[in-house]
């Protein structure tokens, strides 16, 4: 029987989300009849994997170190097959500025953006309001701040002593509209989903709290919008 290791947890800001994802992945692997083992990933992950000796790893880690090519590189070195994307794709996708450079090179329309340090973003408006400030390499909406039209100063949160989302940020033009997402499996786009929420935007609570958002599949859209999104 194949031994499957589900790695989750870790030490990023998305640890709690990862534990939830990993727990569900572990249950699914067990239900499918695999010899499944959960690993709460620590900085001694190589030793943890060597002890378990998995045939394959299901990666349930979120955020830096788990989605940015780091753990993928480790698994490549250890010659352990793993789920999800490889080192380069993971590194590019996790970095918002680098991924947008890829989109631009493919001719896709993207919002205006600017790379700034936290110090710069805290001292003066990075763009003309309204705009959004985002950590370059965080997920789950951690550290996302919306600067509304007419705001006199940058977000005060950027000066907070407990800021823990890195020193490099992306300021991005704020574009109001509907929240649409398209799942891709392999090289095939599956469907357009619309996500609605009563909150100001699709933030952490909207993503993970019970009843925080509503998903409509397929989204009720004009055909040309669906084609464009797909």
Protein backbone atom coordinates (compact mmCIF):
# COMPACT_ATOMS: atom_id res chain seq x y z
CA UNK A 1 0.00 0.00 0.00
CA UNK A 2 1.29 3.45 -0.92
CA UNK A 3 2.20 5.68 2.01
CA UNK A 4 0.94 9.24 1.63
CA UNK A 5 2.27 12.04 3.83
CA UNK A 6 0.08 15.11 4.19
CA UNK A 7 2.18 18.08 5.28
CA UNK A 8 0.40 21.01 6.85
CA UNK A 9 0.67 23.60 9.61
CA UNK A 10 4.10 25.15 9.28
CA UNK A 11 5.01 28.54 10.70
CA UNK A 12 3.60 31.10 8.26
CA UNK A 13 0.77 33.51 9.06
CA UNK A 14 -1.56 31.02 7.37
CA UNK A 15 -0.80 28.18 9.80
CA UNK A 16 -4.37 27.81 11.09
CA UNK A 17 -5.79 27.74 7.55
CA UNK A 18 -3.21 25.12 6.60
CA UNK A 19 -4.14 22.91 9.54
CA UNK A 20 -7.77 23.00 8.41
CA UNK A 21 -6.83 22.16 4.81
CA UNK A 22 -4.39 19.44 5.85
CA UNK A 23 -6.90 17.78 8.15
CA UNK A 24 -9.42 17.53 5.30
CA UNK A 25 -6.75 16.21 2.91
CA UNK A 26 -5.69 13.59 5.45
CA UNK A 27 -9.27 12.38 5.89
CA UNK A 28 -9.72 12.18 2.12
CA UNK A 29 -6.52 10.17 1.69
CA UNK A 30 -7.57 7.76 4.44
CA UNK A 31 -11.04 7.40 2.93
CA UNK A 32 -9.42 6.56 -0.43
CA UNK A 33 -7.64 3.64 1.22
CA UNK A 34 -4.10 5.00 1.43
CA UNK A 35 -1.71 4.58 4.34
CA UNK A 36 -1.94 8.27 5.19
CA UNK A 37 0.22 10.09 7.74
CA UNK A 38 -0.15 13.73 8.79
CA UNK A 39 2.96 15.83 9.40
CA UNK A 40 2.73 19.18 11.18
CA UNK A 41 5.68 20.68 9.34
CA UNK A 42 8.44 22.18 11.44
CA UNK A 43 11.83 23.54 10.51
CA UNK A 44 13.05 19.96 10.94
CA UNK A 45 10.81 18.85 8.06
CA UNK A 46 13.59 16.86 6.33
CA UNK A 47 13.95 14.70 9.44
CA UNK A 48 10.17 14.36 9.75
CA UNK A 49 9.92 13.14 6.16
CA UNK A 50 12.88 10.78 6.55
CA UNK A 51 11.16 9.18 9.52
CA UNK A 52 7.81 8.72 7.75
CA UNK A 53 9.34 7.60 4.41
CA UNK A 54 6.36 8.51 2.22
CA UNK A 55 5.88 7.39 -1.36
CA UNK A 56 4.27 10.73 -2.14
CA UNK A 57 3.57 14.02 -0.34
CA UNK A 58 0.30 15.94 -0.48
CA UNK A 59 1.20 19.55 0.23
CA UNK A 60 -1.32 21.25 2.49
CA UNK A 61 0.97 24.10 3.51
CA UNK A 62 -0.17 27.67 2.91
CA UNK A 63 1.79 30.86 2.48
CA UNK A 64 5.56 31.48 2.51
CA UNK A 65 7.75 28.36 2.66
CA UNK A 66 4.80 26.16 1.70
CA UNK A 67 3.55 27.67 -1.56
CA UNK A 68 6.53 29.69 -2.77
CA UNK A 69 8.84 26.97 -4.04
CA UNK A 70 10.73 26.34 -0.79
CA UNK A 71 9.15 23.06 0.29
CA UNK A 72 8.90 22.05 -3.36
CA UNK A 73 12.67 22.45 -3.67
CA UNK A 74 13.20 20.40 -0.53
CA UNK A 75 11.04 17.59 -1.88
CA UNK A 76 12.90 17.69 -5.20
CA UNK A 77 16.22 17.32 -3.33
CA UNK A 78 14.82 14.44 -1.29
CA UNK A 79 13.44 12.86 -4.48
CA UNK A 80 9.90 12.59 -3.08
CA UNK A 81 7.00 13.04 -5.55
CA UNK A 82 4.55 15.73 -4.44
CA UNK A 83 1.25 17.35 -5.34
CA UNK A 84 0.65 20.79 -6.82
CA UNK A 85 3.03 22.91 -8.89
CA UNK A 86 6.81 22.70 -9.08
CA UNK A 87 9.49 25.05 -7.80
CA UNK A 88 9.43 27.75 -10.49
CA UNK A 89 5.66 27.90 -10.93
CA UNK A 90 5.17 28.08 -7.16
CA UNK A 91 7.76 30.84 -6.75
CA UNK A 92 6.26 32.93 -9.54
CA UNK A 93 2.66 32.43 -8.44
CA UNK A 94 3.35 33.36 -4.80
CA UNK A 95 5.02 36.66 -5.72
CA UNK A 96 2.24 39.00 -6.84
CA UNK A 97 4.55 41.32 -8.78
CA UNK A 98 6.34 38.51 -10.61
CA UNK A 99 3.08 36.76 -11.47
CA UNK A 100 1.68 40.01 -12.85
CA UNK A 101 4.79 40.37 -15.01
CA UNK A 102 3.96 36.96 -16.48
CA UNK A 103 0.36 38.06 -17.11
CA UNK A 104 1.53 41.23 -18.85
CA UNK A 105 3.92 39.27 -21.06
CA UNK A 106 0.99 37.07 -22.10
CA UNK A 107 -1.01 40.14 -23.09
CA UNK A 108 -3.52 39.92 -20.24
CA UNK A 109 -5.01 43.15 -18.83
CA UNK A 110 -3.87 43.89 -15.27
CA UNK A 111 -4.41 46.71 -12.80
CA UNK A 112 -1.80 49.44 -12.44
CA UNK A 113 0.65 48.58 -9.67
CA UNK A 114 3.81 49.77 -7.98
CA UNK A 115 6.40 48.00 -5.82
CA UNK A 116 7.01 49.83 -2.55
CA UNK A 117 8.63 49.19 0.78
CA UNK A 118 6.52 49.31 3.91
CA UNK A 119 8.39 52.45 4.96
CA UNK A 120 7.57 54.17 1.67
CA UNK A 121 3.92 53.11 1.76
CA UNK A 122 3.55 54.37 5.33
CA UNK A 123 5.14 57.75 4.57
CA UNK A 124 3.07 58.79 1.55
CA UNK A 125 0.38 57.55 -0.82
CA UNK A 126 1.94 55.05 -3.21
CA UNK A 127 -0.78 55.70 -5.79
CA UNK A 128 -3.64 58.14 -6.09
CA UNK A 129 -6.55 56.89 -3.94
CA UNK A 130 -8.44 54.66 -4.19
CA UNK A 131 -5.84 51.90 -4.19
CA UNK A 132 -4.98 48.67 -2.40
CA UNK A 133 -1.80 47.79 -0.49
CA UNK A 134 -0.87 44.10 -0.39
CA UNK A 135 2.11 42.14 0.91
CA UNK A 136 4.00 40.78 -2.08
CA UNK A 137 3.96 37.16 -0.86
CA UNK A 138 1.08 36.51 1.53
CA UNK A 139 -2.24 34.78 1.00
CA UNK A 140 -5.69 34.59 2.65
CA UNK A 141 -5.95 38.42 2.46
CA UNK A 142 -3.44 38.86 5.28
CA UNK A 143 -2.09 42.40 5.32
CA UNK A 144 -4.45 43.68 2.62
CA UNK A 145 -5.42 47.33 3.16
CA UNK A 146 -7.83 49.36 1.03
CA UNK A 147 -7.17 53.09 0.79
CA UNK A 148 -10.47 54.73 -0.04
CA UNK A 149 -10.99 57.72 -2.30
CA UNK A 150 -10.37 60.96 -0.42
CA UNK A 151 -8.09 59.38 2.19
CA UNK A 152 -5.72 62.04 3.54
CA UNK A 153 -2.95 59.66 4.59
CA UNK A 154 -1.70 56.10 4.06
CA UNK A 155 -3.01 53.27 6.28
CA UNK A 156 -1.79 53.59 9.88
CA UNK A 157 -1.51 49.79 10.09
CA UNK A 158 1.69 50.00 8.04
CA UNK A 159 3.41 51.73 10.95
CA UNK A 160 2.22 49.21 13.54
CA UNK A 161 4.87 47.49 15.64
CA UNK A 162 3.10 44.15 15.21
CA UNK A 163 3.11 44.21 11.38
CA UNK A 164 4.33 40.78 10.31
CA UNK A 165 3.69 40.58 6.60
CA UNK A 166 7.08 41.60 5.23
CA UNK A 167 8.74 44.83 4.17
CA UNK A 168 7.92 44.65 0.46
CA UNK A 169 4.45 45.52 -0.74
CA UNK A 170 2.46 45.99 -3.91
CA UNK A 171 0.29 49.08 -4.25
CA UNK A 172 -2.40 48.39 -6.81
CA UNK A 173 -5.15 50.40 -8.43
CA UNK A 174 -8.52 49.72 -6.77
CA UNK A 175 -11.03 48.43 -9.30
CA UNK A 176 -14.57 47.84 -7.99
CA UNK A 177 -16.52 44.98 -9.47
CA UNK A 178 -17.74 41.42 -9.03
CA UNK A 179 -15.47 38.74 -7.53
CA UNK A 180 -14.93 36.01 -10.12
CA UNK A 181 -12.56 33.06 -9.98
CA UNK A 182 -11.78 30.23 -12.39
CA UNK A 183 -10.47 26.86 -11.21
CA UNK A 184 -7.90 25.21 -13.48
CA UNK A 185 -7.12 21.49 -13.43
CA UNK A 186 -4.04 20.65 -15.44
CA UNK A 187 -4.44 22.78 -18.57
CA UNK A 188 -8.24 22.88 -18.46
CA UNK A 189 -10.34 25.73 -17.07
CA UNK A 190 -13.29 24.18 -15.24
CA UNK A 191 -15.88 26.89 -14.58
CA UNK A 192 -16.35 30.51 -13.56
CA UNK A 193 -17.39 30.97 -9.93
CA UNK A 194 -18.81 34.19 -8.53
CA UNK A 195 -18.11 34.90 -4.87
CA UNK A 196 -20.38 37.28 -2.99
CA UNK A 197 -20.06 38.60 0.54
CA UNK A 198 -21.73 41.17 2.77
CA UNK A 199 -18.32 42.34 3.95
CA UNK A 200 -16.43 45.26 2.40
CA UNK A 201 -14.38 42.85 0.30
CA UNK A 202 -13.42 39.16 0.14
CA UNK A 203 -11.27 39.29 3.27
CA UNK A 204 -10.06 36.58 5.66
CA UNK A 205 -13.38 36.30 7.51
CA UNK A 206 -15.34 36.20 4.26
CA UNK A 207 -13.08 33.38 3.06
CA UNK A 208 -13.06 31.20 6.16
CA UNK A 209 -15.93 32.07 8.52
CA UNK A 210 -19.15 30.08 8.25
CA UNK A 211 -21.56 32.02 6.07
CA UNK A 212 -18.93 34.62 5.25
CA UNK A 213 -19.38 34.21 1.52
CA UNK A 214 -21.61 32.61 -1.07
CA UNK A 215 -20.28 30.81 -4.16
CA UNK A 216 -22.32 30.64 -7.35
CA UNK A 217 -21.23 27.97 -9.86
CA UNK A 218 -21.48 28.65 -12.73
CA UNK A 219 -21.55 32.42 -12.38
CA UNK A 220 -24.53 34.18 -13.96
CA UNK A 221 -22.64 36.12 -16.62
CA UNK A 222 -23.01 37.17 -20.25
CA UNK A 223 -21.47 34.55 -22.51
CA UNK A 224 -18.67 36.84 -23.69
CA UNK A 225 -17.61 37.52 -20.07
CA UNK A 226 -17.54 33.80 -19.31
CA UNK A 227 -15.42 33.15 -22.40
CA UNK A 228 -13.03 35.93 -21.46
CA UNK A 229 -12.67 34.67 -17.89
CA UNK A 230 -12.08 31.09 -19.05
